[in-house]
Amino acid sequence: MPLTTHALIDEFPEFRGRIRELQASNPQFAQLFTEYHALDDEILRIEQQVETPCDAYVEERKMKRVYLKDRLYGMLRA
């Protein structure tokens, strides 16, 4: 199975313009966006076995990514 990132623009292509708009105008969105992508990069490194933490840590990181994605999606729809 190929490993992929979960970039927000790829996850929600219909909001491409809104993502750019909120990154420029909303500091909270920009901060969550940065945090989400840093977390996504960390998870990808783990999946590529560049980093090898315990399973509980990996699951916690994945749950946090889902939480951040939900918050960002809510802001995109508002």
PDB file of N, CA and C in Angstrom:
ATOM      1  N   MET A   1       0.845  -1.176   0.000  1.00  0.00           N
ATOM      2  CA  MET A   1       0.000   0.000   0.000  1.00  0.00           C
ATOM      3  C   MET A   1       0.893   1.242   0.000  1.00  0.00           C
ATOM      4  N   PRO A   2       0.717   2.125  -0.975  1.00  0.00           N
ATOM      5  CA  PRO A   2       1.552   3.323  -1.021  1.00  0.00           C
ATOM      6  C   PRO A   2       1.203   4.283   0.124  1.00  0.00           C
ATOM      7  N   LEU A   3       2.224   4.918   0.644  1.00  0.00           N
ATOM      8  CA  LEU A   3       2.027   5.892   1.712  1.00  0.00           C
ATOM      9  C   LEU A   3       1.730   7.250   1.094  1.00  0.00           C
ATOM     10  N   THR A   4       0.777   7.950   1.669  1.00  0.00           N
ATOM     11  CA  THR A   4       0.411   9.260   1.148  1.00  0.00           C
ATOM     12  C   THR A   4       0.263  10.249   2.293  1.00  0.00           C
ATOM     13  N   THR A   5       0.411  11.506   1.942  1.00  0.00           N
ATOM     14  CA  THR A   5       0.134  12.548   2.922  1.00  0.00           C
ATOM     15  C   THR A   5      -1.360  12.843   2.902  1.00  0.00           C
ATOM     16  N   HIS A   6      -1.795  13.539   3.902  1.00  0.00           N
ATOM     17  CA  HIS A   6      -3.198  13.938   3.988  1.00  0.00           C
ATOM     18  C   HIS A   6      -3.269  15.465   3.989  1.00  0.00           C
ATOM     19  N   ALA A   7      -2.596  16.075   3.030  1.00  0.00           N
ATOM     20  CA  ALA A   7      -2.596  17.535   2.926  1.00  0.00           C
ATOM     21  C   ALA A   7      -4.036  18.035   2.854  1.00  0.00           C
ATOM     22  N   LEU A   8      -4.294  19.119   3.546  1.00  0.00           N
ATOM     23  CA  LEU A   8      -5.656  19.641   3.629  1.00  0.00           C
ATOM     24  C   LEU A   8      -6.224  19.980   2.252  1.00  0.00           C
ATOM     25  N   ILE A   9      -5.413  20.508   1.380  1.00  0.00           N
ATOM     26  CA  ILE A   9      -5.878  20.856   0.034  1.00  0.00           C
ATOM     27  C   ILE A   9      -6.259  19.594  -0.741  1.00  0.00           C
ATOM     28  N   ASP A  10      -5.547  18.496  -0.502  1.00  0.00           N
ATOM     29  CA  ASP A  10      -5.892  17.230  -1.155  1.00  0.00           C
ATOM     30  C   ASP A  10      -7.134  16.604  -0.530  1.00  0.00           C
ATOM     31  N   GLU A  11      -7.301  16.789   0.767  1.00  0.00           N
ATOM     32  CA  GLU A  11      -8.458  16.238   1.463  1.00  0.00           C
ATOM     33  C   GLU A  11      -9.745  16.983   1.100  1.00  0.00           C
ATOM     34  N   PHE A  12      -9.632  18.294   0.907  1.00  0.00           N
ATOM     35  CA  PHE A  12     -10.802  19.135   0.610  1.00  0.00           C
ATOM     36  C   PHE A  12     -10.526  20.033  -0.601  1.00  0.00           C
ATOM     37  N   PRO A  13     -10.386  19.451  -1.791  1.00  0.00           N
ATOM     38  CA  PRO A  13     -10.042  20.266  -2.963  1.00  0.00           C
ATOM     39  C   PRO A  13     -11.096  21.326  -3.289  1.00  0.00           C
ATOM     40  N   GLU A  14     -12.333  21.082  -2.890  1.00  0.00           N
ATOM     41  CA  GLU A  14     -13.397  22.054  -3.158  1.00  0.00           C
ATOM     42  C   GLU A  14     -13.217  23.339  -2.347  1.00  0.00           C
ATOM     43  N   PHE A  15     -12.371  23.297  -1.317  1.00  0.00           N
ATOM     44  CA  PHE A  15     -12.118  24.463  -0.472  1.00  0.00           C
ATOM     45  C   PHE A  15     -10.747  25.087  -0.726  1.00  0.00           C
ATOM     46  N   ARG A  16     -10.124  24.774  -1.841  1.00  0.00           N
ATOM     47  CA  ARG A  16      -8.772  25.271  -2.138  1.00  0.00           C
ATOM     48  C   ARG A  16      -8.668  26.786  -1.945  1.00  0.00           C
ATOM     49  N   GLY A  17      -9.559  27.533  -2.529  1.00  0.00           N
ATOM     50  CA  GLY A  17      -9.536  28.993  -2.410  1.00  0.00           C
ATOM     51  C   GLY A  17      -9.798  29.459  -0.986  1.00  0.00           C
ATOM     52  N   ARG A  18     -10.745  28.818  -0.329  1.00  0.00           N
ATOM     53  CA  ARG A  18     -11.089  29.176   1.058  1.00  0.00           C
ATOM     54  C   ARG A  18      -9.917  28.889   1.996  1.00  0.00           C
ATOM     55  N   ILE A  19      -9.185  27.809   1.752  1.00  0.00           N
ATOM     56  CA  ILE A  19      -8.011  27.491   2.576  1.00  0.00           C
ATOM     57  C   ILE A  19      -6.991  28.607   2.461  1.00  0.00           C
ATOM     58  N   ARG A  20      -6.701  29.025   1.249  1.00  0.00           N
ATOM     59  CA  ARG A  20      -5.725  30.113   1.046  1.00  0.00           C
ATOM     60  C   ARG A  20      -6.203  31.409   1.711  1.00  0.00           C
ATOM     61  N   GLU A  21      -7.484  31.696   1.554  1.00  0.00           N
ATOM     62  CA  GLU A  21      -8.065  32.907   2.136  1.00  0.00           C
ATOM     63  C   GLU A  21      -7.922  32.899   3.664  1.00  0.00           C
ATOM     64  N   LEU A  22      -8.286  31.790   4.296  1.00  0.00           N
ATOM     65  CA  LEU A  22      -8.224  31.702   5.750  1.00  0.00           C
ATOM     66  C   LEU A  22      -6.785  31.686   6.260  1.00  0.00           C
ATOM     67  N   GLN A  23      -5.881  31.089   5.518  1.00  0.00           N
ATOM     68  CA  GLN A  23      -4.468  31.120   5.918  1.00  0.00           C
ATOM     69  C   GLN A  23      -3.958  32.557   6.004  1.00  0.00           C
ATOM     70  N   ALA A  24      -4.409  33.378   5.104  1.00  0.00           N
ATOM     71  CA  ALA A  24      -3.944  34.769   5.054  1.00  0.00           C
ATOM     72  C   ALA A  24      -4.681  35.675   6.033  1.00  0.00           C
ATOM     73  N   SER A  25      -5.920  35.350   6.365  1.00  0.00           N
ATOM     74  CA  SER A  25      -6.735  36.293   7.134  1.00  0.00           C
ATOM     75  C   SER A  25      -7.080  35.844   8.550  1.00  0.00           C
ATOM     76  N   ASN A  26      -6.903  34.573   8.865  1.00  0.00           N
ATOM     77  CA  ASN A  26      -7.335  34.058  10.155  1.00  0.00           C
ATOM     78  C   ASN A  26      -6.154  33.399  10.873  1.00  0.00           C
ATOM     79  N   PRO A  27      -5.575  34.072  11.877  1.00  0.00           N
ATOM     80  CA  PRO A  27      -4.406  33.518  12.574  1.00  0.00           C
ATOM     81  C   PRO A  27      -4.674  32.162  13.230  1.00  0.00           C
ATOM     82  N   GLN A  28      -5.877  31.959  13.760  1.00  0.00           N
ATOM     83  CA  GLN A  28      -6.190  30.672  14.388  1.00  0.00           C
ATOM     84  C   GLN A  28      -6.190  29.558  13.345  1.00  0.00           C
ATOM     85  N   PHE A  29      -6.803  29.808  12.195  1.00  0.00           N
ATOM     86  CA  PHE A  29      -6.807  28.820  11.127  1.00  0.00           C
ATOM     87  C   PHE A  29      -5.380  28.540  10.676  1.00  0.00           C
ATOM     88  N   ALA A  30      -4.597  29.589  10.482  1.00  0.00           N
ATOM     89  CA  ALA A  30      -3.210  29.419  10.036  1.00  0.00           C
ATOM     90  C   ALA A  30      -2.408  28.578  11.021  1.00  0.00           C
ATOM     91  N   GLN A  31      -2.614  28.800  12.317  1.00  0.00           N
ATOM     92  CA  GLN A  31      -1.895  28.037  13.336  1.00  0.00           C
ATOM     93  C   GLN A  31      -2.326  26.572  13.320  1.00  0.00           C
ATOM     94  N   LEU A  32      -3.624  26.315  13.243  1.00  0.00           N
ATOM     95  CA  LEU A  32      -4.126  24.937  13.183  1.00  0.00           C
ATOM     96  C   LEU A  32      -3.672  24.245  11.898  1.00  0.00           C
ATOM     97  N   PHE A  33      -3.658  24.977  10.794  1.00  0.00           N
ATOM     98  CA  PHE A  33      -3.201  24.449   9.508  1.00  0.00           C
ATOM     99  C   PHE A  33      -1.747  24.008   9.613  1.00  0.00           C
ATOM    100  N   THR A  34      -0.911  24.846  10.199  1.00  0.00           N
ATOM    101  CA  THR A  34       0.509  24.520  10.375  1.00  0.00           C
ATOM    102  C   THR A  34       0.675  23.306  11.282  1.00  0.00           C
ATOM    103  N   GLU A  35      -0.062  23.277  12.375  1.00  0.00           N
ATOM    104  CA  GLU A  35       0.000  22.153  13.311  1.00  0.00           C
ATOM    105  C   GLU A  35      -0.457  20.855  12.634  1.00  0.00           C
ATOM    106  N   TYR A  36      -1.544  20.937  11.875  1.00  0.00           N
ATOM    107  CA  TYR A  36      -2.058  19.764  11.166  1.00  0.00           C
ATOM    108  C   TYR A  36      -1.011  19.190  10.216  1.00  0.00           C
ATOM    109  N   HIS A  37      -0.382  20.068   9.423  1.00  0.00           N
ATOM    110  CA  HIS A  37       0.581  19.581   8.442  1.00  0.00           C
ATOM    111  C   HIS A  37       1.870  19.072   9.083  1.00  0.00           C
ATOM    112  N   ALA A  38       2.293  19.670  10.186  1.00  0.00           N
ATOM    113  CA  ALA A  38       3.452  19.153  10.905  1.00  0.00           C
ATOM    114  C   ALA A  38       3.153  17.755  11.442  1.00  0.00           C
ATOM    115  N   LEU A  39       1.968  17.579  11.962  1.00  0.00           N
ATOM    116  CA  LEU A  39       1.541  16.276  12.473  1.00  0.00           C
ATOM    117  C   LEU A  39       1.431  15.257  11.345  1.00  0.00           C
ATOM    118  N   ASP A  40       0.894  15.664  10.224  1.00  0.00           N
ATOM    119  CA  ASP A  40       0.782  14.769   9.073  1.00  0.00           C
ATOM    120  C   ASP A  40       2.166  14.331   8.596  1.00  0.00           C
ATOM    121  N   ASP A  41       3.125  15.260   8.576  1.00  0.00           N
ATOM    122  CA  ASP A  41       4.499  14.919   8.197  1.00  0.00           C
ATOM    123  C   ASP A  41       5.105  13.926   9.172  1.00  0.00           C
ATOM    124  N   GLU A  42       4.857  14.123  10.473  1.00  0.00           N
ATOM    125  CA  GLU A  42       5.365  13.202  11.485  1.00  0.00           C
ATOM    126  C   GLU A  42       4.787  11.800  11.283  1.00  0.00           C
ATOM    127  N   ILE A  43       3.494  11.722  11.034  1.00  0.00           N
ATOM    128  CA  ILE A  43       2.844  10.419  10.829  1.00  0.00           C
ATOM    129  C   ILE A  43       3.397   9.741   9.580  1.00  0.00           C
ATOM    130  N   LEU A  44       3.645  10.492   8.524  1.00  0.00           N
ATOM    131  CA  LEU A  44       4.215   9.917   7.310  1.00  0.00           C
ATOM    132  C   LEU A  44       5.610   9.351   7.591  1.00  0.00           C
ATOM    133  N   ARG A  45       6.429  10.082   8.350  1.00  0.00           N
ATOM    134  CA  ARG A  45       7.764   9.572   8.704  1.00  0.00           C
ATOM    135  C   ARG A  45       7.655   8.275   9.502  1.00  0.00           C
ATOM    136  N   ILE A  46       6.682   8.210  10.388  1.00  0.00           N
ATOM    137  CA  ILE A  46       6.469   6.991  11.171  1.00  0.00           C
ATOM    138  C   ILE A  46       6.062   5.840  10.242  1.00  0.00           C
ATOM    139  N   GLU A  47       5.150   6.105   9.328  1.00  0.00           N
ATOM    140  CA  GLU A  47       4.690   5.066   8.409  1.00  0.00           C
ATOM    141  C   GLU A  47       5.803   4.611   7.470  1.00  0.00           C
ATOM    142  N   GLN A  48       6.752   5.506   7.174  1.00  0.00           N
ATOM    143  CA  GLN A  48       7.904   5.150   6.341  1.00  0.00           C
ATOM    144  C   GLN A  48       9.002   4.485   7.165  1.00  0.00           C
ATOM    145  N   GLN A  49       8.759   4.348   8.445  1.00  0.00           N
ATOM    146  CA  GLN A  49       9.671   3.745   9.408  1.00  0.00           C
ATOM    147  C   GLN A  49      10.974   4.529   9.562  1.00  0.00           C
ATOM    148  N   VAL A  50      10.906   5.838   9.313  1.00  0.00           N
ATOM    149  CA  VAL A  50      12.020   6.721   9.616  1.00  0.00           C
ATOM    150  C   VAL A  50      12.077   6.910  11.128  1.00  0.00           C
ATOM    151  N   GLU A  51      10.909   6.967  11.743  1.00  0.00           N
ATOM    152  CA  GLU A  51      10.766   7.029  13.193  1.00  0.00           C
ATOM    153  C   GLU A  51       9.957   5.804  13.608  1.00  0.00           C
ATOM    154  N   THR A  52      10.258   5.250  14.777  1.00  0.00           N
ATOM    155  CA  THR A  52       9.567   4.029  15.204  1.00  0.00           C
ATOM    156  C   THR A  52       9.094   4.116  16.657  1.00  0.00           C
ATOM    157  N   PRO A  53       8.111   4.956  16.928  1.00  0.00           N
ATOM    158  CA  PRO A  53       7.566   5.037  18.285  1.00  0.00           C
ATOM    159  C   PRO A  53       6.610   3.871  18.567  1.00  0.00           C
ATOM    160  N   CYS A  54       6.147   3.800  19.793  1.00  0.00           N
ATOM    161  CA  CYS A  54       5.215   2.736  20.166  1.00  0.00           C
ATOM    162  C   CYS A  54       3.850   2.964  19.495  1.00  0.00           C
ATOM    163  N   ASP A  55       3.080   1.897  19.411  1.00  0.00           N
ATOM    164  CA  ASP A  55       1.776   1.941  18.739  1.00  0.00           C
ATOM    165  C   ASP A  55       0.817   2.937  19.391  1.00  0.00           C
ATOM    166  N   ALA A  56       0.848   3.024  20.714  1.00  0.00           N
ATOM    167  CA  ALA A  56      -0.053   3.945  21.411  1.00  0.00           C
ATOM    168  C   ALA A  56       0.233   5.385  21.008  1.00  0.00           C
ATOM    169  N   TYR A  57       1.493   5.734  20.854  1.00  0.00           N
ATOM    170  CA  TYR A  57       1.873   7.085  20.439  1.00  0.00           C
ATOM    171  C   TYR A  57       1.358   7.365  19.027  1.00  0.00           C
ATOM    172  N   VAL A  58       1.533   6.397  18.136  1.00  0.00           N
ATOM    173  CA  VAL A  58       1.087   6.561  16.745  1.00  0.00           C
ATOM    174  C   VAL A  58      -0.426   6.771  16.703  1.00  0.00           C
ATOM    175  N   GLU A  59      -1.163   5.975  17.442  1.00  0.00           N
ATOM    176  CA  GLU A  59      -2.626   6.110  17.460  1.00  0.00           C
ATOM    177  C   GLU A  59      -3.045   7.462  18.030  1.00  0.00           C
ATOM    178  N   GLU A  60      -2.351   7.926  19.060  1.00  0.00           N
ATOM    179  CA  GLU A  60      -2.657   9.239  19.640  1.00  0.00           C
ATOM    180  C   GLU A  60      -2.422  10.339  18.613  1.00  0.00           C
ATOM    181  N   ARG A  61      -1.347  10.240  17.848  1.00  0.00           N
ATOM    182  CA  ARG A  61      -1.045  11.247  16.826  1.00  0.00           C
ATOM    183  C   ARG A  61      -2.102  11.221  15.718  1.00  0.00           C
ATOM    184  N   LYS A  62      -2.513  10.050  15.324  1.00  0.00           N
ATOM    185  CA  LYS A  62      -3.536   9.938  14.277  1.00  0.00           C
ATOM    186  C   LYS A  62      -4.873  10.505  14.757  1.00  0.00           C
ATOM    187  N   MET A  63      -5.218  10.260  16.008  1.00  0.00           N
ATOM    188  CA  MET A  63      -6.462  10.814  16.553  1.00  0.00           C
ATOM    189  C   MET A  63      -6.383  12.340  16.615  1.00  0.00           C
ATOM    190  N   LYS A  64      -5.226  12.861  16.956  1.00  0.00           N
ATOM    191  CA  LYS A  64      -5.065  14.317  16.989  1.00  0.00           C
ATOM    192  C   LYS A  64      -5.202  14.893  15.578  1.00  0.00           C
ATOM    193  N   ARG A  65      -4.660  14.184  14.573  1.00  0.00           N
ATOM    194  CA  ARG A  65      -4.791  14.655  13.193  1.00  0.00           C
ATOM    195  C   ARG A  65      -6.265  14.719  12.800  1.00  0.00           C
ATOM    196  N   VAL A  66      -7.042  13.716  13.163  1.00  0.00           N
ATOM    197  CA  VAL A  66      -8.483  13.711  12.868  1.00  0.00           C
ATOM    198  C   VAL A  66      -9.166  14.885  13.567  1.00  0.00           C
ATOM    199  N   TYR A  67      -8.807  15.113  14.829  1.00  0.00           N
ATOM    200  CA  TYR A  67      -9.380  16.228  15.588  1.00  0.00           C
ATOM    201  C   TYR A  67      -9.077  17.560  14.886  1.00  0.00           C
ATOM    202  N   LEU A  68      -7.824  17.755  14.492  1.00  0.00           N
ATOM    203  CA  LEU A  68      -7.447  19.005  13.815  1.00  0.00           C
ATOM    204  C   LEU A  68      -8.161  19.139  12.477  1.00  0.00           C
ATOM    205  N   LYS A  69      -8.261  18.039  11.741  1.00  0.00           N
ATOM    206  CA  LYS A  69      -8.955  18.089  10.449  1.00  0.00           C
ATOM    207  C   LYS A  69     -10.414  18.483  10.649  1.00  0.00           C
ATOM    208  N   ASP A  70     -11.054  17.940  11.668  1.00  0.00           N
ATOM    209  CA  ASP A  70     -12.447  18.296  11.961  1.00  0.00           C
ATOM    210  C   ASP A  70     -12.585  19.777  12.292  1.00  0.00           C
ATOM    211  N   ARG A  71     -11.670  20.297  13.107  1.00  0.00           N
ATOM    212  CA  ARG A  71     -11.732  21.728  13.448  1.00  0.00           C
ATOM    213  C   ARG A  71     -11.525  22.594  12.219  1.00  0.00           C
ATOM    214  N   LEU A  72     -10.538  22.246  11.406  1.00  0.00           N
ATOM    215  CA  LEU A  72     -10.260  23.016  10.198  1.00  0.00           C
ATOM    216  C   LEU A  72     -11.443  22.944   9.230  1.00  0.00           C
ATOM    217  N   TYR A  73     -12.041  21.777   9.087  1.00  0.00           N
ATOM    218  CA  TYR A  73     -13.188  21.627   8.198  1.00  0.00           C
ATOM    219  C   TYR A  73     -14.361  22.507   8.678  1.00  0.00           C
ATOM    220  N   GLY A  74     -14.558  22.527   9.976  1.00  0.00           N
ATOM    221  CA  GLY A  74     -15.604  23.385  10.528  1.00  0.00           C
ATOM    222  C   GLY A  74     -15.361  24.852  10.192  1.00  0.00           C
ATOM    223  N   MET A  75     -14.116  25.267  10.270  1.00  0.00           N
ATOM    224  CA  MET A  75     -13.778  26.657   9.945  1.00  0.00           C
ATOM    225  C   MET A  75     -13.957  26.914   8.446  1.00  0.00           C
ATOM    226  N   LEU A  76     -13.664  25.930   7.624  1.00  0.00           N
ATOM    227  CA  LEU A  76     -13.837  26.096   6.185  1.00  0.00           C
ATOM    228  C   LEU A  76     -15.306  26.237   5.815  1.00  0.00           C
ATOM    229  N   ARG A  77     -16.157  25.514   6.495  1.00  0.00           N
ATOM    230  CA  ARG A  77     -17.589  25.544   6.191  1.00  0.00           C
ATOM    231  C   ARG A  77     -18.302  26.756   6.769  1.00  0.00           C
ATOM    232  N   ALA A  78     -17.716  27.407   7.759  1.00  0.00           N
ATOM    233  CA  ALA A  78     -18.360  28.543   8.420  1.00  0.00           C
ATOM    234  C   ALA A  78     -18.486  29.735   7.493  1.00  0.00           C
TER     235      ALA A  78
END
